[in-house]
Amino acid sequence: MRVSADLCIVPMGVGPSVSPYVREIKGIIESSGLTATMHPNGTNIEGELSEICALAERCEARLAELGVQRTFFTLIFSTRRDKDQSMADKLAAVS
């Protein structure tokens, strides 16, 4: 099933700045081949539901490799079954 997702991953217990961890996650997302747009509070991603869930698992695994003991995730999905619709299509529809 093709979905649009909003993914936010917050490593906890690493201090006030999470930038080094976000850079790691950004690299994983960029190398995934999925359409993704980072925003200040997360990343919008388009793809198959299973691909996005596997991507989130890879991100969490990388944080664990870096020593992060606790991670907070939000992952919001949006589906549309009556037609194919990209994130760009959604934005164009309200412009």
PDB file of N, CA and C in Angstrom:
ATOM      1  N   MET A   1       0.840  -1.169   0.000  1.00  0.00           N
ATOM      2  CA  MET A   1       0.000   0.000   0.000  1.00  0.00           C
ATOM      3  C   MET A   1       0.889   1.237   0.000  1.00  0.00           C
ATOM      4  N   ARG A   2       0.630   2.136  -0.923  1.00  0.00           N
ATOM      5  CA  ARG A   2       1.399   3.380  -1.019  1.00  0.00           C
ATOM      6  C   ARG A   2       0.837   4.388  -0.026  1.00  0.00           C
ATOM      7  N   VAL A   3       1.733   5.060   0.699  1.00  0.00           N
ATOM      8  CA  VAL A   3       1.315   6.012   1.727  1.00  0.00           C
ATOM      9  C   VAL A   3       2.204   7.246   1.701  1.00  0.00           C
ATOM     10  N   SER A   4       1.702   8.294   2.298  1.00  0.00           N
ATOM     11  CA  SER A   4       2.510   9.451   2.681  1.00  0.00           C
ATOM     12  C   SER A   4       2.667   9.337   4.186  1.00  0.00           C
ATOM     13  N   ALA A   5       3.854   9.623   4.674  1.00  0.00           N
ATOM     14  CA  ALA A   5       4.103   9.498   6.108  1.00  0.00           C
ATOM     15  C   ALA A   5       4.825  10.730   6.616  1.00  0.00           C
ATOM     16  N   ASP A   6       4.619  10.999   7.884  1.00  0.00           N
ATOM     17  CA  ASP A   6       5.373  12.030   8.578  1.00  0.00           C
ATOM     18  C   ASP A   6       6.104  11.320   9.710  1.00  0.00           C
ATOM     19  N   LEU A   7       7.429  11.314   9.633  1.00  0.00           N
ATOM     20  CA  LEU A   7       8.263  10.603  10.597  1.00  0.00           C
ATOM     21  C   LEU A   7       9.048  11.602  11.436  1.00  0.00           C
ATOM     22  N   CYS A   8       8.966  11.445  12.745  1.00  0.00           N
ATOM     23  CA  CYS A   8       9.760  12.242  13.680  1.00  0.00           C
ATOM     24  C   CYS A   8      10.441  11.275  14.633  1.00  0.00           C
ATOM     25  N   ILE A   9      11.762  11.353  14.706  1.00  0.00           N
ATOM     26  CA  ILE A   9      12.538  10.497  15.588  1.00  0.00           C
ATOM     27  C   ILE A   9      13.354  11.387  16.516  1.00  0.00           C
ATOM     28  N   VAL A  10      13.180  11.188  17.822  1.00  0.00           N
ATOM     29  CA  VAL A  10      13.879  12.008  18.802  1.00  0.00           C
ATOM     30  C   VAL A  10      14.714  11.099  19.709  1.00  0.00           C
ATOM     31  N   PRO A  11      16.045  11.173  19.600  1.00  0.00           N
ATOM     32  CA  PRO A  11      16.871  10.429  20.539  1.00  0.00           C
ATOM     33  C   PRO A  11      16.808  11.109  21.904  1.00  0.00           C
ATOM     34  N   MET A  12      16.606  10.321  22.941  1.00  0.00           N
ATOM     35  CA  MET A  12      16.453  10.890  24.274  1.00  0.00           C
ATOM     36  C   MET A  12      17.688  10.592  25.125  1.00  0.00           C
ATOM     37  N   GLY A  13      17.966  11.484  26.071  1.00  0.00           N
ATOM     38  CA  GLY A  13      19.063  11.280  26.993  1.00  0.00           C
ATOM     39  C   GLY A  13      20.422  11.568  26.396  1.00  0.00           C
ATOM     40  N   VAL A  14      20.455  12.352  25.304  1.00  0.00           N
ATOM     41  CA  VAL A  14      21.732  12.639  24.636  1.00  0.00           C
ATOM     42  C   VAL A  14      22.147  14.103  24.796  1.00  0.00           C
ATOM     43  N   GLY A  15      21.415  14.853  25.599  1.00  0.00           N
ATOM     44  CA  GLY A  15      21.729  16.261  25.783  1.00  0.00           C
ATOM     45  C   GLY A  15      20.784  17.142  24.990  1.00  0.00           C
ATOM     46  N   PRO A  16      20.967  18.461  25.091  1.00  0.00           N
ATOM     47  CA  PRO A  16      20.032  19.388  24.472  1.00  0.00           C
ATOM     48  C   PRO A  16      20.093  19.427  22.943  1.00  0.00           C
ATOM     49  N   SER A  17      21.226  19.103  22.343  1.00  0.00           N
ATOM     50  CA  SER A  17      21.329  19.132  20.882  1.00  0.00           C
ATOM     51  C   SER A  17      21.293  17.714  20.325  1.00  0.00           C
ATOM     52  N   VAL A  18      20.403  17.509  19.367  1.00  0.00           N
ATOM     53  CA  VAL A  18      20.303  16.192  18.725  1.00  0.00           C
ATOM     54  C   VAL A  18      20.801  16.236  17.280  1.00  0.00           C
ATOM     55  N   SER A  19      21.406  17.351  16.880  1.00  0.00           N
ATOM     56  CA  SER A  19      21.843  17.532  15.493  1.00  0.00           C
ATOM     57  C   SER A  19      22.719  16.402  14.955  1.00  0.00           C
ATOM     58  N   PRO A  20      23.716  15.912  15.699  1.00  0.00           N
ATOM     59  CA  PRO A  20      24.541  14.827  15.148  1.00  0.00           C
ATOM     60  C   PRO A  20      23.721  13.578  14.833  1.00  0.00           C
ATOM     61  N   TYR A  21      22.720  13.302  15.640  1.00  0.00           N
ATOM     62  CA  TYR A  21      21.867  12.137  15.429  1.00  0.00           C
ATOM     63  C   TYR A  21      20.921  12.356  14.258  1.00  0.00           C
ATOM     64  N   VAL A  22      20.402  13.571  14.151  1.00  0.00           N
ATOM     65  CA  VAL A  22      19.522  13.902  13.027  1.00  0.00           C
ATOM     66  C   VAL A  22      20.284  13.788  11.706  1.00  0.00           C
ATOM     67  N   ARG A  23      21.546  14.208  11.685  1.00  0.00           N
ATOM     68  CA  ARG A  23      22.360  14.060  10.465  1.00  0.00           C
ATOM     69  C   ARG A  23      22.487  12.591  10.064  1.00  0.00           C
ATOM     70  N   GLU A  24      22.675  11.737  11.038  1.00  0.00           N
ATOM     71  CA  GLU A  24      22.765  10.293  10.762  1.00  0.00           C
ATOM     72  C   GLU A  24      21.458   9.776  10.150  1.00  0.00           C
ATOM     73  N   ILE A  25      20.350  10.158  10.766  1.00  0.00           N
ATOM     74  CA  ILE A  25      19.040   9.735  10.281  1.00  0.00           C
ATOM     75  C   ILE A  25      18.780  10.300   8.886  1.00  0.00           C
ATOM     76  N   LYS A  26      19.137  11.548   8.682  1.00  0.00           N
ATOM     77  CA  LYS A  26      18.948  12.183   7.371  1.00  0.00           C
ATOM     78  C   LYS A  26      19.679  11.396   6.289  1.00  0.00           C
ATOM     79  N   GLY A  27      20.899  10.978   6.556  1.00  0.00           N
ATOM     80  CA  GLY A  27      21.662  10.201   5.591  1.00  0.00           C
ATOM     81  C   GLY A  27      20.997   8.876   5.262  1.00  0.00           C
ATOM     82  N   ILE A  28      20.447   8.209   6.264  1.00  0.00           N
ATOM     83  CA  ILE A  28      19.754   6.937   6.042  1.00  0.00           C
ATOM     84  C   ILE A  28      18.523   7.153   5.173  1.00  0.00           C
ATOM     85  N   ILE A  29      17.766   8.194   5.471  1.00  0.00           N
ATOM     86  CA  ILE A  29      16.557   8.488   4.693  1.00  0.00           C
ATOM     87  C   ILE A  29      16.927   8.832   3.256  1.00  0.00           C
ATOM     88  N   GLU A  30      17.940   9.671   3.072  1.00  0.00           N
ATOM     89  CA  GLU A  30      18.348  10.065   1.718  1.00  0.00           C
ATOM     90  C   GLU A  30      18.828   8.868   0.903  1.00  0.00           C
ATOM     91  N   SER A  31      19.482   7.918   1.539  1.00  0.00           N
ATOM     92  CA  SER A  31      19.987   6.753   0.803  1.00  0.00           C
ATOM     93  C   SER A  31      18.920   5.686   0.574  1.00  0.00           C
ATOM     94  N   SER A  32      17.720   5.897   1.105  1.00  0.00           N
ATOM     95  CA  SER A  32      16.655   4.896   0.985  1.00  0.00           C
ATOM     96  C   SER A  32      16.047   4.828  -0.416  1.00  0.00           C
ATOM     97  N   GLY A  33      16.179   5.905  -1.184  1.00  0.00           N
ATOM     98  CA  GLY A  33      15.550   5.948  -2.501  1.00  0.00           C
ATOM     99  C   GLY A  33      14.096   6.394  -2.466  1.00  0.00           C
ATOM    100  N   LEU A  34      13.555   6.607  -1.274  1.00  0.00           N
ATOM    101  CA  LEU A  34      12.179   7.080  -1.158  1.00  0.00           C
ATOM    102  C   LEU A  34      12.140   8.595  -1.303  1.00  0.00           C
ATOM    103  N   THR A  35      11.023   9.116  -1.767  1.00  0.00           N
ATOM    104  CA  THR A  35      10.832  10.559  -1.847  1.00  0.00           C
ATOM    105  C   THR A  35      10.644  11.080  -0.430  1.00  0.00           C
ATOM    106  N   ALA A  36      11.491  12.022  -0.022  1.00  0.00           N
ATOM    107  CA  ALA A  36      11.436  12.527   1.346  1.00  0.00           C
ATOM    108  C   ALA A  36      11.757  14.013   1.375  1.00  0.00           C
ATOM    109  N   THR A  37      11.063  14.726   2.251  1.00  0.00           N
ATOM    110  CA  THR A  37      11.288  16.151   2.452  1.00  0.00           C
ATOM    111  C   THR A  37      11.392  16.415   3.945  1.00  0.00           C
ATOM    112  N   MET A  38      12.569  16.870   4.367  1.00  0.00           N
ATOM    113  CA  MET A  38      12.768  17.188   5.778  1.00  0.00           C
ATOM    114  C   MET A  38      12.128  18.533   6.096  1.00  0.00           C
ATOM    115  N   HIS A  39      11.541  18.629   7.283  1.00  0.00           N
ATOM    116  CA  HIS A  39      11.013  19.890   7.792  1.00  0.00           C
ATOM    117  C   HIS A  39      11.509  20.051   9.226  1.00  0.00           C
ATOM    118  N   PRO A  40      11.289  21.168   9.876  1.00  0.00           N
ATOM    119  CA  PRO A  40      11.891  21.412  11.188  1.00  0.00           C
ATOM    120  C   PRO A  40      11.555  20.379  12.264  1.00  0.00           C
ATOM    121  N   ASN A  41      10.436  19.675  12.127  1.00  0.00           N
ATOM    122  CA  ASN A  41      10.028  18.738  13.173  1.00  0.00           C
ATOM    123  C   ASN A  41       9.953  17.293  12.703  1.00  0.00           C
ATOM    124  N   GLY A  42      10.577  16.983  11.584  1.00  0.00           N
ATOM    125  CA  GLY A  42      10.538  15.616  11.087  1.00  0.00           C
ATOM    126  C   GLY A  42      10.771  15.564   9.592  1.00  0.00           C
ATOM    127  N   THR A  43      10.254  14.493   8.987  1.00  0.00           N
ATOM    128  CA  THR A  43      10.440  14.280   7.555  1.00  0.00           C
ATOM    129  C   THR A  43       9.173  13.684   6.958  1.00  0.00           C
ATOM    130  N   ASN A  44       8.720  14.251   5.848  1.00  0.00           N
ATOM    131  CA  ASN A  44       7.630  13.663   5.085  1.00  0.00           C
ATOM    132  C   ASN A  44       8.234  12.674   4.103  1.00  0.00           C
ATOM    133  N   ILE A  45       7.634  11.497   3.994  1.00  0.00           N
ATOM    134  CA  ILE A  45       8.163  10.432   3.154  1.00  0.00           C
ATOM    135  C   ILE A  45       7.021   9.803   2.377  1.00  0.00           C
ATOM    136  N   GLU A  46       7.268   9.503   1.096  1.00  0.00           N
ATOM    137  CA  GLU A  46       6.309   8.780   0.266  1.00  0.00           C
ATOM    138  C   GLU A  46       6.876   7.410  -0.068  1.00  0.00           C
ATOM    139  N   GLY A  47       6.032   6.402  -0.051  1.00  0.00           N
ATOM    140  CA  GLY A  47       6.478   5.075  -0.444  1.00  0.00           C
ATOM    141  C   GLY A  47       5.513   4.011   0.008  1.00  0.00           C
ATOM    142  N   GLU A  48       5.939   2.768  -0.162  1.00  0.00           N
ATOM    143  CA  GLU A  48       5.139   1.653   0.314  1.00  0.00           C
ATOM    144  C   GLU A  48       5.197   1.617   1.840  1.00  0.00           C
ATOM    145  N   LEU A  49       4.093   1.276   2.449  1.00  0.00           N
ATOM    146  CA  LEU A  49       4.019   1.224   3.903  1.00  0.00           C
ATOM    147  C   LEU A  49       5.137   0.366   4.487  1.00  0.00           C
ATOM    148  N   SER A  50       5.362  -0.791   3.906  1.00  0.00           N
ATOM    149  CA  SER A  50       6.404  -1.697   4.417  1.00  0.00           C
ATOM    150  C   SER A  50       7.795  -1.090   4.288  1.00  0.00           C
ATOM    151  N   GLU A  51       8.046  -0.330   3.219  1.00  0.00           N
ATOM    152  CA  GLU A  51       9.347   0.319   3.034  1.00  0.00           C
ATOM    153  C   GLU A  51       9.583   1.395   4.085  1.00  0.00           C
ATOM    154  N   ILE A  52       8.553   2.151   4.379  1.00  0.00           N
ATOM    155  CA  ILE A  52       8.692   3.231   5.358  1.00  0.00           C
ATOM    156  C   ILE A  52       8.885   2.656   6.763  1.00  0.00           C
ATOM    157  N   CYS A  53       8.161   1.602   7.082  1.00  0.00           N
ATOM    158  CA  CYS A  53       8.348   0.965   8.396  1.00  0.00           C
ATOM    159  C   CYS A  53       9.753   0.377   8.515  1.00  0.00           C
ATOM    160  N   ALA A  54      10.248  -0.252   7.453  1.00  0.00           N
ATOM    161  CA  ALA A  54      11.613  -0.794   7.470  1.00  0.00           C
ATOM    162  C   ALA A  54      12.638   0.326   7.604  1.00  0.00           C
ATOM    163  N   LEU A  55      12.381   1.460   6.961  1.00  0.00           N
ATOM    164  CA  LEU A  55      13.271   2.617   7.074  1.00  0.00           C
ATOM    165  C   LEU A  55      13.322   3.121   8.515  1.00  0.00           C
ATOM    166  N   ALA A  56      12.173   3.211   9.160  1.00  0.00           N
ATOM    167  CA  ALA A  56      12.137   3.655  10.559  1.00  0.00           C
ATOM    168  C   ALA A  56      12.934   2.694  11.440  1.00  0.00           C
ATOM    169  N   GLU A  57      12.836   1.404  11.170  1.00  0.00           N
ATOM    170  CA  GLU A  57      13.619   0.418  11.931  1.00  0.00           C
ATOM    171  C   GLU A  57      15.115   0.606  11.714  1.00  0.00           C
ATOM    172  N   ARG A  58      15.525   0.886  10.477  1.00  0.00           N
ATOM    173  CA  ARG A  58      16.949   1.128  10.201  1.00  0.00           C
ATOM    174  C   ARG A  58      17.444   2.370  10.937  1.00  0.00           C
ATOM    175  N   CYS A  59      16.624   3.394  10.990  1.00  0.00           N
ATOM    176  CA  CYS A  59      17.002   4.615  11.702  1.00  0.00           C
ATOM    177  C   CYS A  59      17.186   4.332  13.185  1.00  0.00           C
ATOM    178  N   GLU A  60      16.258   3.600  13.773  1.00  0.00           N
ATOM    179  CA  GLU A  60      16.358   3.274  15.198  1.00  0.00           C
ATOM    180  C   GLU A  60      17.580   2.405  15.471  1.00  0.00           C
ATOM    181  N   ALA A  61      17.865   1.462  14.584  1.00  0.00           N
ATOM    182  CA  ALA A  61      19.030   0.589  14.754  1.00  0.00           C
ATOM    183  C   ALA A  61      20.321   1.397  14.715  1.00  0.00           C
ATOM    184  N   ARG A  62      20.388   2.386  13.827  1.00  0.00           N
ATOM    185  CA  ARG A  62      21.584   3.221  13.749  1.00  0.00           C
ATOM    186  C   ARG A  62      21.765   4.031  15.029  1.00  0.00           C
ATOM    187  N   LEU A  63      20.672   4.564  15.555  1.00  0.00           N
ATOM    188  CA  LEU A  63      20.777   5.310  16.806  1.00  0.00           C
ATOM    189  C   LEU A  63      21.268   4.392  17.930  1.00  0.00           C
ATOM    190  N   ALA A  64      20.799   3.166  17.955  1.00  0.00           N
ATOM    191  CA  ALA A  64      21.261   2.212  18.973  1.00  0.00           C
ATOM    192  C   ALA A  64      22.760   1.959  18.817  1.00  0.00           C
ATOM    193  N   GLU A  65      23.234   1.847  17.561  1.00  0.00           N
ATOM    194  CA  GLU A  65      24.671   1.667  17.315  1.00  0.00           C
ATOM    195  C   GLU A  65      25.477   2.843  17.864  1.00  0.00           C
ATOM    196  N   LEU A  66      24.863   4.020  17.851  1.00  0.00           N
ATOM    197  CA  LEU A  66      25.530   5.234  18.342  1.00  0.00           C
ATOM    198  C   LEU A  66      25.408   5.388  19.855  1.00  0.00           C
ATOM    199  N   GLY A  67      24.771   4.432  20.499  1.00  0.00           N
ATOM    200  CA  GLY A  67      24.673   4.449  21.947  1.00  0.00           C
ATOM    201  C   GLY A  67      23.397   5.038  22.516  1.00  0.00           C
ATOM    202  N   VAL A  68      22.449   5.394  21.673  1.00  0.00           N
ATOM    203  CA  VAL A  68      21.192   5.946  22.160  1.00  0.00           C
ATOM    204  C   VAL A  68      20.382   4.813  22.794  1.00  0.00           C
ATOM    205  N   GLN A  69      20.006   5.009  24.046  1.00  0.00           N
ATOM    206  CA  GLN A  69      19.294   3.978  24.790  1.00  0.00           C
ATOM    207  C   GLN A  69      17.770   4.118  24.718  1.00  0.00           C
ATOM    208  N   ARG A  70      17.310   5.303  24.362  1.00  0.00           N
ATOM    209  CA  ARG A  70      15.865   5.541  24.324  1.00  0.00           C
ATOM    210  C   ARG A  70      15.561   6.480  23.168  1.00  0.00           C
ATOM    211  N   THR A  71      14.521   6.124  22.416  1.00  0.00           N
ATOM    212  CA  THR A  71      14.136   6.916  21.247  1.00  0.00           C
ATOM    213  C   THR A  71      12.627   7.104  21.254  1.00  0.00           C
ATOM    214  N   PHE A  72      12.185   8.312  20.953  1.00  0.00           N
ATOM    215  CA  PHE A  72      10.764   8.617  20.834  1.00  0.00           C
ATOM    216  C   PHE A  72      10.444   8.801  19.356  1.00  0.00           C
ATOM    217  N   PHE A  73       9.445   8.056  18.852  1.00  0.00           N
ATOM    218  CA  PHE A  73       9.029   8.133  17.455  1.00  0.00           C
ATOM    219  C   PHE A  73       7.589   8.614  17.362  1.00  0.00           C
ATOM    220  N   THR A  74       7.305   9.389  16.323  1.00  0.00           N
ATOM    221  CA  THR A  74       5.928   9.537  15.856  1.00  0.00           C
ATOM    222  C   THR A  74       5.970   9.208  14.378  1.00  0.00           C
ATOM    223  N   LEU A  75       5.002   8.443  13.944  1.00  0.00           N
ATOM    224  CA  LEU A  75       4.917   8.035  12.538  1.00  0.00           C
ATOM    225  C   LEU A  75       3.447   8.095  12.157  1.00  0.00           C
ATOM    226  N   ILE A  76       3.115   9.061  11.316  1.00  0.00           N
ATOM    227  CA  ILE A  76       1.732   9.307  10.908  1.00  0.00           C
ATOM    228  C   ILE A  76       1.607   8.949   9.436  1.00  0.00           C
ATOM    229  N   PHE A  77       0.589   8.160   9.102  1.00  0.00           N
ATOM    230  CA  PHE A  77       0.379   7.733   7.720  1.00  0.00           C
ATOM    231  C   PHE A  77      -0.887   8.338   7.140  1.00  0.00           C
ATOM    232  N   SER A  78      -0.837   8.593   5.850  1.00  0.00           N
ATOM    233  CA  SER A  78      -2.005   9.041   5.101  1.00  0.00           C
ATOM    234  C   SER A  78      -2.104   8.188   3.843  1.00  0.00           C
ATOM    235  N   THR A  79      -3.285   7.652   3.594  1.00  0.00           N
ATOM    236  CA  THR A  79      -3.488   6.829   2.395  1.00  0.00           C
ATOM    237  C   THR A  79      -4.588   7.431   1.537  1.00  0.00           C
ATOM    238  N   ARG A  80      -4.543   7.074   0.288  1.00  0.00           N
ATOM    239  CA  ARG A  80      -5.596   7.472  -0.648  1.00  0.00           C
ATOM    240  C   ARG A  80      -5.792   6.312  -1.610  1.00  0.00           C
ATOM    241  N   ARG A  81      -6.941   5.702  -1.616  1.00  0.00           N
ATOM    242  CA  ARG A  81      -7.182   4.516  -2.439  1.00  0.00           C
ATOM    243  C   ARG A  81      -7.899   4.819  -3.757  1.00  0.00           C
ATOM    244  N   ASP A  82      -8.528   5.980  -3.849  1.00  0.00           N
ATOM    245  CA  ASP A  82      -9.288   6.264  -5.063  1.00  0.00           C
ATOM    246  C   ASP A  82      -8.418   6.763  -6.215  1.00  0.00           C
ATOM    247  N   LYS A  83      -7.187   7.238  -5.907  1.00  0.00           N
ATOM    248  CA  LYS A  83      -6.277   7.673  -6.957  1.00  0.00           C
ATOM    249  C   LYS A  83      -4.869   7.797  -6.389  1.00  0.00           C
ATOM    250  N   ASP A  84      -3.878   7.771  -7.265  1.00  0.00           N
ATOM    251  CA  ASP A  84      -2.503   8.029  -6.848  1.00  0.00           C
ATOM    252  C   ASP A  84      -2.366   9.514  -6.579  1.00  0.00           C
ATOM    253  N   GLN A  85      -1.776   9.844  -5.434  1.00  0.00           N
ATOM    254  CA  GLN A  85      -1.604  11.250  -5.097  1.00  0.00           C
ATOM    255  C   GLN A  85      -0.305  11.419  -4.328  1.00  0.00           C
ATOM    256  N   SER A  86       0.562  12.278  -4.844  1.00  0.00           N
ATOM    257  CA  SER A  86       1.839  12.538  -4.181  1.00  0.00           C
ATOM    258  C   SER A  86       1.681  13.686  -3.179  1.00  0.00           C
ATOM    259  N   MET A  87       2.730  13.894  -2.402  1.00  0.00           N
ATOM    260  CA  MET A  87       2.713  15.032  -1.473  1.00  0.00           C
ATOM    261  C   MET A  87       2.607  16.333  -2.255  1.00  0.00           C
ATOM    262  N   ALA A  88       3.303  16.411  -3.375  1.00  0.00           N
ATOM    263  CA  ALA A  88       3.244  17.620  -4.220  1.00  0.00           C
ATOM    264  C   ALA A  88       1.818  17.840  -4.739  1.00  0.00           C
ATOM    265  N   ASP A  89       1.121  16.769  -5.121  1.00  0.00           N
ATOM    266  CA  ASP A  89      -0.264  16.881  -5.580  1.00  0.00           C
ATOM    267  C   ASP A  89      -1.153  17.450  -4.472  1.00  0.00           C
ATOM    268  N   LYS A  90      -0.937  16.976  -3.243  1.00  0.00           N
ATOM    269  CA  LYS A  90      -1.748  17.461  -2.116  1.00  0.00           C
ATOM    270  C   LYS A  90      -1.548  18.949  -1.912  1.00  0.00           C
ATOM    271  N   LEU A  91      -0.291  19.397  -1.974  1.00  0.00           N
ATOM    272  CA  LEU A  91      -0.027  20.825  -1.795  1.00  0.00           C
ATOM    273  C   LEU A  91      -0.599  21.653  -2.941  1.00  0.00           C
ATOM    274  N   ALA A  92      -0.488  21.136  -4.155  1.00  0.00           N
ATOM    275  CA  ALA A  92      -1.028  21.869  -5.318  1.00  0.00           C
ATOM    276  C   ALA A  92      -2.550  22.009  -5.232  1.00  0.00           C
ATOM    277  N   ALA A  93      -3.203  21.024  -4.630  1.00  0.00           N
ATOM    278  CA  ALA A  93      -4.673  21.058  -4.532  1.00  0.00           C
ATOM    279  C   ALA A  93      -5.167  22.188  -3.630  1.00  0.00           C
ATOM    280  N   VAL A  94      -4.343  22.679  -2.744  1.00  0.00           N
ATOM    281  CA  VAL A  94      -4.779  23.763  -1.854  1.00  0.00           C
ATOM    282  C   VAL A  94      -4.123  25.100  -2.175  1.00  0.00           C
ATOM    283  N   SER A  95      -3.368  25.152  -3.249  1.00  0.00           N
ATOM    284  CA  SER A  95      -2.720  26.407  -3.645  1.00  0.00           C
ATOM    285  C   SER A  95      -3.633  27.273  -4.476  1.00  0.00           C
TER     286      SER A  95
END
